PDB file of N, CA and C in Angstrom:
ATOM      1  N   MET A   1     -15.902  29.485  13.262  1.00  0.00           N
ATOM      2  CA  MET A   1     -16.568  28.255  12.863  1.00  0.00           C
ATOM      3  C   MET A   1     -16.858  28.303  11.372  1.00  0.00           C
ATOM      4  N   SER A   2     -16.625  27.217  10.710  1.00  0.00           N
ATOM      5  CA  SER A   2     -16.884  27.125   9.282  1.00  0.00           C
ATOM      6  C   SER A   2     -18.376  26.968   9.030  1.00  0.00           C
ATOM      7  N   ASN A   3     -18.830  27.505   7.930  1.00  0.00           N
ATOM      8  CA  ASN A   3     -20.221  27.320   7.535  1.00  0.00           C
ATOM      9  C   ASN A   3     -20.382  26.132   6.602  1.00  0.00           C
ATOM     10  N   PHE A   4     -19.323  25.350   6.425  1.00  0.00           N
ATOM     11  CA  PHE A   4     -19.356  24.189   5.552  1.00  0.00           C
ATOM     12  C   PHE A   4     -19.947  23.012   6.300  1.00  0.00           C
ATOM     13  N   ILE A   5     -20.853  22.318   5.663  1.00  0.00           N
ATOM     14  CA  ILE A   5     -21.459  21.118   6.244  1.00  0.00           C
ATOM     15  C   ILE A   5     -21.055  19.930   5.390  1.00  0.00           C
ATOM     16  N   GLU A   6     -20.515  18.915   6.021  1.00  0.00           N
ATOM     17  CA  GLU A   6     -20.023  17.726   5.327  1.00  0.00           C
ATOM     18  C   GLU A   6     -21.196  16.860   4.884  1.00  0.00           C
ATOM     19  N   LEU A   7     -21.351  16.692   3.559  1.00  0.00           N
ATOM     20  CA  LEU A   7     -22.416  15.851   3.026  1.00  0.00           C
ATOM     21  C   LEU A   7     -21.861  14.753   2.124  1.00  0.00           C
ATOM     22  N   ASP A   8     -20.559  14.457   2.229  1.00  0.00           N
ATOM     23  CA  ASP A   8     -19.937  13.565   1.262  1.00  0.00           C
ATOM     24  C   ASP A   8     -19.798  12.117   1.714  1.00  0.00           C
ATOM     25  N   GLY A   9     -20.329  11.753   2.840  1.00  0.00           N
ATOM     26  CA  GLY A   9     -20.239  10.366   3.249  1.00  0.00           C
ATOM     27  C   GLY A   9     -19.319  10.117   4.427  1.00  0.00           C
ATOM     28  N   THR A  10     -18.973  11.133   5.175  1.00  0.00           N
ATOM     29  CA  THR A  10     -18.115  10.955   6.335  1.00  0.00           C
ATOM     30  C   THR A  10     -18.795  10.073   7.381  1.00  0.00           C
ATOM     31  N   SER A  11     -17.996   9.379   8.183  1.00  0.00           N
ATOM     32  CA  SER A  11     -18.553   8.484   9.192  1.00  0.00           C
ATOM     33  C   SER A  11     -18.728   9.173  10.547  1.00  0.00           C
ATOM     34  N   ILE A  12     -18.587  10.467  10.576  1.00  0.00           N
ATOM     35  CA  ILE A  12     -18.882  11.241  11.784  1.00  0.00           C
ATOM     36  C   ILE A  12     -20.237  11.913  11.575  1.00  0.00           C
ATOM     37  N   ILE A  13     -21.096  11.839  12.560  1.00  0.00           N
ATOM     38  CA  ILE A  13     -22.404  12.484  12.445  1.00  0.00           C
ATOM     39  C   ILE A  13     -22.229  13.990  12.618  1.00  0.00           C
ATOM     40  N   THR A  14     -22.852  14.734  11.737  1.00  0.00           N
ATOM     41  CA  THR A  14     -22.943  16.183  11.894  1.00  0.00           C
ATOM     42  C   THR A  14     -24.342  16.493  12.379  1.00  0.00           C
ATOM     43  N   VAL A  15     -24.447  17.124  13.546  1.00  0.00           N
ATOM     44  CA  VAL A  15     -25.735  17.504  14.126  1.00  0.00           C
ATOM     45  C   VAL A  15     -25.901  19.003  13.930  1.00  0.00           C
ATOM     46  N   ILE A  16     -27.044  19.403  13.398  1.00  0.00           N
ATOM     47  CA  ILE A  16     -27.351  20.818  13.237  1.00  0.00           C
ATOM     48  C   ILE A  16     -28.557  21.108  14.111  1.00  0.00           C
ATOM     49  N   GLY A  17     -28.381  22.058  15.012  1.00  0.00           N
ATOM     50  CA  GLY A  17     -29.452  22.412  15.932  1.00  0.00           C
ATOM     51  C   GLY A  17     -29.452  23.892  16.212  1.00  0.00           C
ATOM     52  N   ARG A  18     -30.083  24.265  17.297  1.00  0.00           N
ATOM     53  CA  ARG A  18     -30.101  25.671  17.707  1.00  0.00           C
ATOM     54  C   ARG A  18     -30.120  25.747  19.230  1.00  0.00           C
ATOM     55  N   ASN A  19     -29.854  26.931  19.732  1.00  0.00           N
ATOM     56  CA  ASN A  19     -29.859  27.160  21.178  1.00  0.00           C
ATOM     57  C   ASN A  19     -31.243  26.864  21.750  1.00  0.00           C
ATOM     58  N   ASN A  20     -31.272  26.348  22.950  1.00  0.00           N
ATOM     59  CA  ASN A  20     -32.506  26.078  23.686  1.00  0.00           C
ATOM     60  C   ASN A  20     -33.427  25.082  22.983  1.00  0.00           C
ATOM     61  N   CYS A  21     -32.862  24.178  22.223  1.00  0.00           N
ATOM     62  CA  CYS A  21     -33.632  23.129  21.542  1.00  0.00           C
ATOM     63  C   CYS A  21     -33.457  21.838  22.342  1.00  0.00           C
ATOM     64  N   SER A  22     -34.502  21.426  23.037  1.00  0.00           N
ATOM     65  CA  SER A  22     -34.383  20.244  23.891  1.00  0.00           C
ATOM     66  C   SER A  22     -34.141  18.975  23.067  1.00  0.00           C
ATOM     67  N   SER A  23     -34.725  18.879  21.888  1.00  0.00           N
ATOM     68  CA  SER A  23     -34.498  17.705  21.041  1.00  0.00           C
ATOM     69  C   SER A  23     -33.053  17.662  20.546  1.00  0.00           C
ATOM     70  N   CYS A  24     -32.496  18.836  20.254  1.00  0.00           N
ATOM     71  CA  CYS A  24     -31.098  18.900  19.816  1.00  0.00           C
ATOM     72  C   CYS A  24     -30.181  18.413  20.940  1.00  0.00           C
ATOM     73  N   GLN A  25     -30.457  18.856  22.155  1.00  0.00           N
ATOM     74  CA  GLN A  25     -29.663  18.430  23.303  1.00  0.00           C
ATOM     75  C   GLN A  25     -29.821  16.938  23.550  1.00  0.00           C
ATOM     76  N   LYS A  26     -31.035  16.430  23.371  1.00  0.00           N
ATOM     77  CA  LYS A  26     -31.283  14.999  23.578  1.00  0.00           C
ATOM     78  C   LYS A  26     -30.457  14.162  22.600  1.00  0.00           C
ATOM     79  N   LEU A  27     -30.404  14.576  21.332  1.00  0.00           N
ATOM     80  CA  LEU A  27     -29.606  13.829  20.360  1.00  0.00           C
ATOM     81  C   LEU A  27     -28.130  13.882  20.719  1.00  0.00           C
ATOM     82  N   LYS A  28     -27.641  15.043  21.117  1.00  0.00           N
ATOM     83  CA  LYS A  28     -26.235  15.151  21.529  1.00  0.00           C
ATOM     84  C   LYS A  28     -25.964  14.247  22.731  1.00  0.00           C
ATOM     85  N   ASP A  29     -26.896  14.193  23.681  1.00  0.00           N
ATOM     86  CA  ASP A  29     -26.732  13.326  24.852  1.00  0.00           C
ATOM     87  C   ASP A  29     -26.693  11.853  24.460  1.00  0.00           C
ATOM     88  N   VAL A  30     -27.593  11.434  23.562  1.00  0.00           N
ATOM     89  CA  VAL A  30     -27.637  10.038  23.110  1.00  0.00           C
ATOM     90  C   VAL A  30     -26.326   9.673  22.423  1.00  0.00           C
ATOM     91  N   LEU A  31     -25.852  10.534  21.530  1.00  0.00           N
ATOM     92  CA  LEU A  31     -24.604  10.252  20.821  1.00  0.00           C
ATOM     93  C   LEU A  31     -23.424  10.181  21.781  1.00  0.00           C
ATOM     94  N   THR A  32     -23.408  11.058  22.772  1.00  0.00           N
ATOM     95  CA  THR A  32     -22.342  11.044  23.775  1.00  0.00           C
ATOM     96  C   THR A  32     -22.385   9.753  24.589  1.00  0.00           C
ATOM     97  N   GLN A  33     -23.585   9.339  25.015  1.00  0.00           N
ATOM     98  CA  GLN A  33     -23.731   8.104  25.782  1.00  0.00           C
ATOM     99  C   GLN A  33     -23.284   6.882  24.986  1.00  0.00           C
ATOM    100  N   MET A  34     -23.479   6.948  23.670  1.00  0.00           N
ATOM    101  CA  MET A  34     -23.108   5.828  22.806  1.00  0.00           C
ATOM    102  C   MET A  34     -21.645   5.920  22.351  1.00  0.00           C
ATOM    103  N   ASP A  35     -20.936   6.943  22.817  1.00  0.00           N
ATOM    104  CA  ASP A  35     -19.542   7.178  22.412  1.00  0.00           C
ATOM    105  C   ASP A  35     -19.390   7.263  20.898  1.00  0.00           C
ATOM    106  N   PHE A  36     -20.380   7.875  20.256  1.00  0.00           N
ATOM    107  CA  PHE A  36     -20.326   8.027  18.812  1.00  0.00           C
ATOM    108  C   PHE A  36     -19.843   9.440  18.485  1.00  0.00           C
ATOM    109  N   PRO A  37     -18.802   9.567  17.653  1.00  0.00           N
ATOM    110  CA  PRO A  37     -18.265  10.896  17.352  1.00  0.00           C
ATOM    111  C   PRO A  37     -19.247  11.737  16.540  1.00  0.00           C
ATOM    112  N   PHE A  38     -19.358  13.007  16.931  1.00  0.00           N
ATOM    113  CA  PHE A  38     -20.223  13.908  16.189  1.00  0.00           C
ATOM    114  C   PHE A  38     -19.680  15.326  16.258  1.00  0.00           C
ATOM    115  N   ILE A  39     -20.107  16.104  15.295  1.00  0.00           N
ATOM    116  CA  ILE A  39     -19.796  17.533  15.227  1.00  0.00           C
ATOM    117  C   ILE A  39     -21.125  18.265  15.375  1.00  0.00           C
ATOM    118  N   TYR A  40     -21.140  19.293  16.184  1.00  0.00           N
ATOM    119  CA  TYR A  40     -22.368  20.079  16.363  1.00  0.00           C
ATOM    120  C   TYR A  40     -22.197  21.438  15.706  1.00  0.00           C
ATOM    121  N   GLN A  41     -23.204  21.827  14.929  1.00  0.00           N
ATOM    122  CA  GLN A  41     -23.219  23.153  14.333  1.00  0.00           C
ATOM    123  C   GLN A  41     -24.546  23.815  14.664  1.00  0.00           C
ATOM    124  N   ASN A  42     -24.465  25.079  15.076  1.00  0.00           N
ATOM    125  CA  ASN A  42     -25.655  25.848  15.395  1.00  0.00           C
ATOM    126  C   ASN A  42     -26.237  26.408  14.104  1.00  0.00           C
ATOM    127  N   MET A  43     -27.514  26.144  13.860  1.00  0.00           N
ATOM    128  CA  MET A  43     -28.191  26.607  12.656  1.00  0.00           C
ATOM    129  C   MET A  43     -28.072  28.122  12.491  1.00  0.00           C
ATOM    130  N   GLU A  44     -28.071  28.829  13.607  1.00  0.00           N
ATOM    131  CA  GLU A  44     -28.007  30.290  13.557  1.00  0.00           C
ATOM    132  C   GLU A  44     -26.671  30.791  13.027  1.00  0.00           C
ATOM    133  N   ASN A  45     -25.628  29.967  13.070  1.00  0.00           N
ATOM    134  CA  ASN A  45     -24.306  30.364  12.589  1.00  0.00           C
ATOM    135  C   ASN A  45     -24.046  29.963  11.141  1.00  0.00           C
ATOM    136  N   LEU A  46     -24.969  29.247  10.529  1.00  0.00           N
ATOM    137  CA  LEU A  46     -24.775  28.806   9.147  1.00  0.00           C
ATOM    138  C   LEU A  46     -25.148  29.918   8.176  1.00  0.00           C
ATOM    139  N   ASP A  47     -24.396  30.021   7.085  1.00  0.00           N
ATOM    140  CA  ASP A  47     -24.758  31.006   6.073  1.00  0.00           C
ATOM    141  C   ASP A  47     -25.909  30.466   5.226  1.00  0.00           C
ATOM    142  N   GLN A  48     -26.451  31.308   4.367  1.00  0.00           N
ATOM    143  CA  GLN A  48     -27.617  30.937   3.569  1.00  0.00           C
ATOM    144  C   GLN A  48     -27.326  29.762   2.640  1.00  0.00           C
ATOM    145  N   THR A  49     -26.121  29.700   2.096  1.00  0.00           N
ATOM    146  CA  THR A  49     -25.761  28.597   1.206  1.00  0.00           C
ATOM    147  C   THR A  49     -25.814  27.265   1.950  1.00  0.00           C
ATOM    148  N   ALA A  50     -25.266  27.226   3.160  1.00  0.00           N
ATOM    149  CA  ALA A  50     -25.288  25.990   3.955  1.00  0.00           C
ATOM    150  C   ALA A  50     -26.720  25.588   4.295  1.00  0.00           C
ATOM    151  N   LYS A  51     -27.560  26.567   4.624  1.00  0.00           N
ATOM    152  CA  LYS A  51     -28.960  26.270   4.932  1.00  0.00           C
ATOM    153  C   LYS A  51     -29.676  25.711   3.706  1.00  0.00           C
ATOM    154  N   MET A  52     -29.403  26.266   2.545  1.00  0.00           N
ATOM    155  CA  MET A  52     -30.025  25.771   1.316  1.00  0.00           C
ATOM    156  C   MET A  52     -29.524  24.366   0.972  1.00  0.00           C
ATOM    157  N   ASP A  53     -28.258  24.072   1.285  1.00  0.00           N
ATOM    158  CA  ASP A  53     -27.732  22.725   1.074  1.00  0.00           C
ATOM    159  C   ASP A  53     -28.530  21.707   1.894  1.00  0.00           C
ATOM    160  N   ILE A  54     -28.886  22.076   3.111  1.00  0.00           N
ATOM    161  CA  ILE A  54     -29.678  21.194   3.970  1.00  0.00           C
ATOM    162  C   ILE A  54     -31.054  20.965   3.353  1.00  0.00           C
ATOM    163  N   VAL A  55     -31.693  22.039   2.933  1.00  0.00           N
ATOM    164  CA  VAL A  55     -33.025  21.933   2.340  1.00  0.00           C
ATOM    165  C   VAL A  55     -32.983  21.086   1.070  1.00  0.00           C
ATOM    166  N   ASN A  56     -31.996  21.316   0.223  1.00  0.00           N
ATOM    167  CA  ASN A  56     -31.894  20.567  -1.030  1.00  0.00           C
ATOM    168  C   ASN A  56     -31.558  19.098  -0.790  1.00  0.00           C
ATOM    169  N   SER A  57     -30.752  18.802   0.217  1.00  0.00           N
ATOM    170  CA  SER A  57     -30.398  17.403   0.484  1.00  0.00           C
ATOM    171  C   SER A  57     -31.570  16.634   1.082  1.00  0.00           C
ATOM    172  N   ARG A  58     -32.565  17.334   1.590  1.00  0.00           N
ATOM    173  CA  ARG A  58     -33.767  16.690   2.129  1.00  0.00           C
ATOM    174  C   ARG A  58     -34.415  15.814   1.059  1.00  0.00           C
ATOM    175  N   LYS A  59     -34.511  16.336  -0.151  1.00  0.00           N
ATOM    176  CA  LYS A  59     -35.140  15.577  -1.232  1.00  0.00           C
ATOM    177  C   LYS A  59     -34.317  14.354  -1.606  1.00  0.00           C
ATOM    178  N   ARG A  60     -32.993  14.516  -1.661  1.00  0.00           N
ATOM    179  CA  ARG A  60     -32.131  13.385  -2.005  1.00  0.00           C
ATOM    180  C   ARG A  60     -32.178  12.296  -0.939  1.00  0.00           C
ATOM    181  N   SER A  61     -32.442  12.687   0.296  1.00  0.00           N
ATOM    182  CA  SER A  61     -32.462  11.729   1.406  1.00  0.00           C
ATOM    183  C   SER A  61     -33.864  11.232   1.712  1.00  0.00           C
ATOM    184  N   ASP A  62     -34.856  11.649   0.916  1.00  0.00           N
ATOM    185  CA  ASP A  62     -36.249  11.236   1.088  1.00  0.00           C
ATOM    186  C   ASP A  62     -36.792  11.580   2.472  1.00  0.00           C
ATOM    187  N   VAL A  63     -36.450  12.778   2.958  1.00  0.00           N
ATOM    188  CA  VAL A  63     -36.976  13.282   4.231  1.00  0.00           C
ATOM    189  C   VAL A  63     -38.135  14.210   3.897  1.00  0.00           C
ATOM    190  N   LYS A  64     -39.327  13.870   4.367  1.00  0.00           N
ATOM    191  CA  LYS A  64     -40.510  14.649   4.015  1.00  0.00           C
ATOM    192  C   LYS A  64     -40.577  15.981   4.753  1.00  0.00           C
ATOM    193  N   ASN A  65     -40.243  15.991   6.009  1.00  0.00           N
ATOM    194  CA  ASN A  65     -40.292  17.212   6.812  1.00  0.00           C
ATOM    195  C   ASN A  65     -38.963  17.412   7.519  1.00  0.00           C
ATOM    196  N   ILE A  66     -38.545  18.658   7.599  1.00  0.00           N
ATOM    197  CA  ILE A  66     -37.310  18.969   8.318  1.00  0.00           C
ATOM    198  C   ILE A  66     -37.673  19.647   9.629  1.00  0.00           C
ATOM    199  N   GLY A  67     -37.193  19.072  10.703  1.00  0.00           N
ATOM    200  CA  GLY A  67     -37.325  19.664  12.028  1.00  0.00           C
ATOM    201  C   GLY A  67     -35.997  19.486  12.730  1.00  0.00           C
ATOM    202  N   LEU A  68     -35.714  20.338  13.669  1.00  0.00           N
ATOM    203  CA  LEU A  68     -34.447  20.229  14.388  1.00  0.00           C
ATOM    204  C   LEU A  68     -34.564  19.198  15.501  1.00  0.00           C
ATOM    205  N   PRO A  69     -33.516  18.457  15.734  1.00  0.00           N
ATOM    206  CA  PRO A  69     -32.235  18.542  15.067  1.00  0.00           C
ATOM    207  C   PRO A  69     -32.251  17.860  13.703  1.00  0.00           C
ATOM    208  N   VAL A  70     -31.396  18.362  12.840  1.00  0.00           N
ATOM    209  CA  VAL A  70     -31.100  17.712  11.574  1.00  0.00           C
ATOM    210  C   VAL A  70     -29.739  17.072  11.773  1.00  0.00           C
ATOM    211  N   TRP A  71     -29.544  15.891  11.250  1.00  0.00           N
ATOM    212  CA  TRP A  71     -28.232  15.259  11.365  1.00  0.00           C
ATOM    213  C   TRP A  71     -27.901  14.547  10.075  1.00  0.00           C
ATOM    214  N   ILE A  72     -26.610  14.509   9.796  1.00  0.00           N
ATOM    215  CA  ILE A  72     -26.109  13.960   8.542  1.00  0.00           C
ATOM    216  C   ILE A  72     -25.114  12.859   8.874  1.00  0.00           C
ATOM    217  N   TYR A  73     -25.305  11.723   8.220  1.00  0.00           N
ATOM    218  CA  TYR A  73     -24.394  10.600   8.422  1.00  0.00           C
ATOM    219  C   TYR A  73     -24.185   9.904   7.090  1.00  0.00           C
ATOM    220  N   LYS A  74     -22.935   9.747   6.702  1.00  0.00           N
ATOM    221  CA  LYS A  74     -22.566   9.099   5.443  1.00  0.00           C
ATOM    222  C   LYS A  74     -23.332   9.676   4.260  1.00  0.00           C
ATOM    223  N   GLY A  75     -23.446  11.001   4.246  1.00  0.00           N
ATOM    224  CA  GLY A  75     -24.053  11.693   3.122  1.00  0.00           C
ATOM    225  C   GLY A  75     -25.563  11.723   3.110  1.00  0.00           C
ATOM    226  N   LYS A  76     -26.208  11.118   4.100  1.00  0.00           N
ATOM    227  CA  LYS A  76     -27.663  11.108   4.150  1.00  0.00           C
ATOM    228  C   LYS A  76     -28.150  12.003   5.283  1.00  0.00           C
ATOM    229  N   LEU A  77     -29.186  12.773   4.995  1.00  0.00           N
ATOM    230  CA  LEU A  77     -29.760  13.684   5.974  1.00  0.00           C
ATOM    231  C   LEU A  77     -30.913  13.002   6.707  1.00  0.00           C
ATOM    232  N   TYR A  78     -30.964  13.210   8.029  1.00  0.00           N
ATOM    233  CA  TYR A  78     -32.035  12.698   8.873  1.00  0.00           C
ATOM    234  C   TYR A  78     -32.573  13.869   9.691  1.00  0.00           C
ATOM    235  N   SER A  79     -33.779  13.710  10.215  1.00  0.00           N
ATOM    236  CA  SER A  79     -34.377  14.763  11.026  1.00  0.00           C
ATOM    237  C   SER A  79     -34.993  14.142  12.270  1.00  0.00           C
ATOM    238  N   GLY A  80     -34.810  14.811  13.401  1.00  0.00           N
ATOM    239  CA  GLY A  80     -35.390  14.340  14.648  1.00  0.00           C
ATOM    240  C   GLY A  80     -34.414  13.517  15.472  1.00  0.00           C
ATOM    241  N   VAL A  81     -34.934  12.953  16.553  1.00  0.00           N
ATOM    242  CA  VAL A  81     -34.119  12.160  17.475  1.00  0.00           C
ATOM    243  C   VAL A  81     -34.561  10.702  17.389  1.00  0.00           C
ATOM    244  N   PRO A  82     -33.717   9.833  16.829  1.00  0.00           N
ATOM    245  CA  PRO A  82     -34.083   8.415  16.757  1.00  0.00           C
ATOM    246  C   PRO A  82     -33.836   7.738  18.104  1.00  0.00           C
ATOM    247  N   ASN A  83     -34.523   6.625  18.327  1.00  0.00           N
ATOM    248  CA  ASN A  83     -34.172   5.873  19.532  1.00  0.00           C
ATOM    249  C   ASN A  83     -32.849   5.157  19.284  1.00  0.00           C
ATOM    250  N   LYS A  84     -32.243   4.640  20.324  1.00  0.00           N
ATOM    251  CA  LYS A  84     -30.905   4.045  20.220  1.00  0.00           C
ATOM    252  C   LYS A  84     -30.854   2.883  19.243  1.00  0.00           C
ATOM    253  N   ASP A  85     -31.904   2.045  19.204  1.00  0.00           N
ATOM    254  CA  ASP A  85     -31.905   0.896  18.301  1.00  0.00           C
ATOM    255  C   ASP A  85     -31.892   1.341  16.840  1.00  0.00           C
ATOM    256  N   ILE A  86     -32.694   2.335  16.518  1.00  0.00           N
ATOM    257  CA  ILE A  86     -32.719   2.849  15.142  1.00  0.00           C
ATOM    258  C   ILE A  86     -31.377   3.482  14.793  1.00  0.00           C
ATOM    259  N   LEU A  87     -30.823   4.249  15.726  1.00  0.00           N
ATOM    260  CA  LEU A  87     -29.528   4.886  15.487  1.00  0.00           C
ATOM    261  C   LEU A  87     -28.452   3.829  15.255  1.00  0.00           C
ATOM    262  N   LEU A  88     -28.429   2.780  16.077  1.00  0.00           N
ATOM    263  CA  LEU A  88     -27.459   1.697  15.896  1.00  0.00           C
ATOM    264  C   LEU A  88     -27.623   1.021  14.532  1.00  0.00           C
ATOM    265  N   ASN A  89     -28.858   0.832  14.118  1.00  0.00           N
ATOM    266  CA  ASN A  89     -29.120   0.223  12.823  1.00  0.00           C
ATOM    267  C   ASN A  89     -28.576   1.104  11.686  1.00  0.00           C
ATOM    268  N   ILE A  90     -28.749   2.400  11.803  1.00  0.00           N
ATOM    269  CA  ILE A  90     -28.261   3.324  10.779  1.00  0.00           C
ATOM    270  C   ILE A  90     -26.745   3.327  10.727  1.00  0.00           C
ATOM    271  N   VAL A  91     -26.093   3.439  11.868  1.00  0.00           N
ATOM    272  CA  VAL A  91     -24.624   3.561  11.860  1.00  0.00           C
ATOM    273  C   VAL A  91     -23.930   2.234  11.578  1.00  0.00           C
ATOM    274  N   ASN A  92     -24.618   1.114  11.756  1.00  0.00           N
ATOM    275  CA  ASN A  92     -24.000  -0.179  11.488  1.00  0.00           C
ATOM    276  C   ASN A  92     -24.243  -0.675  10.070  1.00  0.00           C
ATOM    277  N   ASN A  93     -24.962   0.088   9.262  1.00  0.00           N
ATOM    278  CA  ASN A  93     -25.219  -0.303   7.872  1.00  0.00           C
ATOM    279  C   ASN A  93     -24.452   0.561   6.921  1.00  0.00           C
TER     280      ASN A  93
END
């Protein structure tokens, strides 16, 4: 698995989570139910550079707190599990 995380504006959601994270699983389930393509990466498999990229992109994306799952869509970082309406609003804009 690559430790590279796509932050350049791709239209596929990248979900970063960890094992036994119920919120991470919930986001994956929501995306699957919505037939929205996503890539899942386990935080434990990321190298330090990739982890620092996530932390640094938090400021650019105006995310005050980072909690898992973290997800990236079109170059913007988000944290947590949005409801379906919010997710639809994000992916349709």
